[in-house]
Amino acid sequence: MTNFNEWLDTFVEEKNIDIHDTFEIDRNGSFNIISYGAILDHIKATTKEEKAKIKNIIVHIDFNNGNVLDFFRHLGQALIERSEA
C-alpha cells in the first residue's frame, strides 16, 4: 500500500485538481487568499491519525460524487481560524 502523501498526490492528479488555483476566505471582513497546494501541504504535514480521518472524508465525498474542493476550502477556513488563535 502506498503512503498517504502518495495517495493524496495521485487522487489530486486523477481529479485534475490544479494545486495552483486559489480561493478566498473571508474572515471577519479580512480576505485571505490560499491555494489548494497550500492546503495539501498542511494535510501532508498533519498527524497520522488526522491523515486517516481526512482520507476517509475524501473517499466518502468522492464516492458520493461530492465536490472535494468544498472540503479543501473548509480545511482552509480552519487553518485561517487556527492561525488567528
Protein backbone atom coordinates (compact mmCIF):
# COMPACT_ATOMS: atom_id res chain seq x y z
CA MET A 1 0.00 0.00 0.00
CA THR A 2 1.27 3.47 -0.85
CA ASN A 3 1.70 6.04 1.86
CA PHE A 4 -0.86 8.76 2.45
CA ASN A 5 1.05 11.56 0.73
CA GLU A 6 1.46 9.48 -2.43
CA TRP A 7 -2.23 8.52 -2.29
CA LEU A 8 -3.22 12.18 -1.94
CA ASP A 9 -0.98 13.26 -4.83
CA THR A 10 -2.47 10.52 -7.03
CA PHE A 11 -6.01 11.49 -6.03
CA VAL A 12 -5.39 15.16 -6.83
CA GLU A 13 -3.83 14.25 -10.18
CA GLU A 14 -6.66 11.87 -11.13
CA LYS A 15 -9.26 14.52 -10.28
CA ASN A 16 -7.36 17.16 -12.30
CA ILE A 17 -7.17 19.49 -9.32
CA ASP A 18 -4.89 22.41 -10.07
CA ILE A 19 -2.86 22.92 -6.91
CA HIS A 20 -2.04 26.45 -8.07
CA ASP A 21 -5.70 27.51 -8.12
CA THR A 22 -6.59 29.81 -5.26
CA PHE A 23 -9.71 30.70 -3.34
CA GLU A 24 -10.69 33.45 -0.92
CA ILE A 25 -11.60 33.02 2.70
CA ASP A 26 -13.47 35.90 4.31
CA ARG A 27 -12.65 36.01 7.99
CA ASN A 28 -14.32 38.89 9.81
CA GLY A 29 -14.04 41.16 6.79
CA SER A 30 -10.41 40.25 6.15
CA PHE A 31 -9.85 38.33 2.93
CA ASN A 32 -7.24 35.60 2.78
CA ILE A 33 -6.16 34.02 -0.49
CA ILE A 34 -4.95 30.46 -0.25
CA SER A 35 -4.02 27.86 -2.85
CA TYR A 36 -5.16 24.27 -2.93
CA GLY A 37 -1.47 23.35 -2.90
CA ALA A 38 -1.04 25.11 0.46
CA ILE A 39 -3.98 23.13 1.84
CA LEU A 40 -2.44 19.90 0.57
CA ASP A 41 0.90 20.79 2.16
CA HIS A 42 -0.82 21.27 5.53
CA ILE A 43 -2.70 18.00 5.12
CA LYS A 44 0.55 16.16 4.38
CA ALA A 45 2.19 17.66 7.48
CA THR A 46 -0.51 16.60 9.93
CA THR A 47 -0.54 13.56 12.20
CA LYS A 48 -1.10 10.01 11.04
CA GLU A 49 -4.46 9.96 12.84
CA GLU A 50 -5.63 13.17 11.16
CA LYS A 51 -4.48 11.88 7.77
CA ALA A 52 -6.61 8.76 8.26
CA LYS A 53 -9.66 10.90 9.11
CA ILE A 54 -9.05 13.20 6.14
CA LYS A 55 -8.64 10.25 3.78
CA ASN A 56 -11.91 8.73 4.97
CA ILE A 57 -13.72 12.01 4.39
CA ILE A 58 -12.20 12.47 0.92
CA VAL A 59 -13.10 8.91 -0.08
CA HIS A 60 -16.65 9.39 1.24
CA ILE A 61 -17.09 12.67 -0.64
CA ASP A 62 -15.70 11.19 -3.85
CA PHE A 63 -17.79 8.01 -3.56
CA ASN A 64 -20.91 10.14 -3.27
CA ASN A 65 -19.87 12.32 -6.26
CA GLY A 66 -19.39 15.30 -3.99
CA ASN A 67 -17.02 18.18 -4.55
CA VAL A 68 -13.80 17.55 -2.64
CA LEU A 69 -12.77 21.16 -3.28
CA ASP A 70 -15.50 22.21 -0.85
CA PHE A 71 -13.80 20.08 1.79
CA PHE A 72 -10.40 21.61 0.99
CA ARG A 73 -11.93 25.08 1.33
CA HIS A 74 -13.38 24.02 4.69
CA LEU A 75 -9.90 22.96 5.80
CA GLY A 76 -8.55 26.30 4.60
CA GLN A 77 -11.09 28.10 6.76
CA ALA A 78 -9.99 26.03 9.76
CA LEU A 79 -6.33 26.87 9.06
CA ILE A 80 -7.07 30.59 8.99
CA GLU A 81 -9.05 30.39 12.22
CA ARG A 82 -6.30 28.39 13.91
CA SER A 83 -3.61 30.83 12.80
CA GLU A 84 -5.57 33.69 14.38
CA ALA A 85 -5.94 31.93 17.72
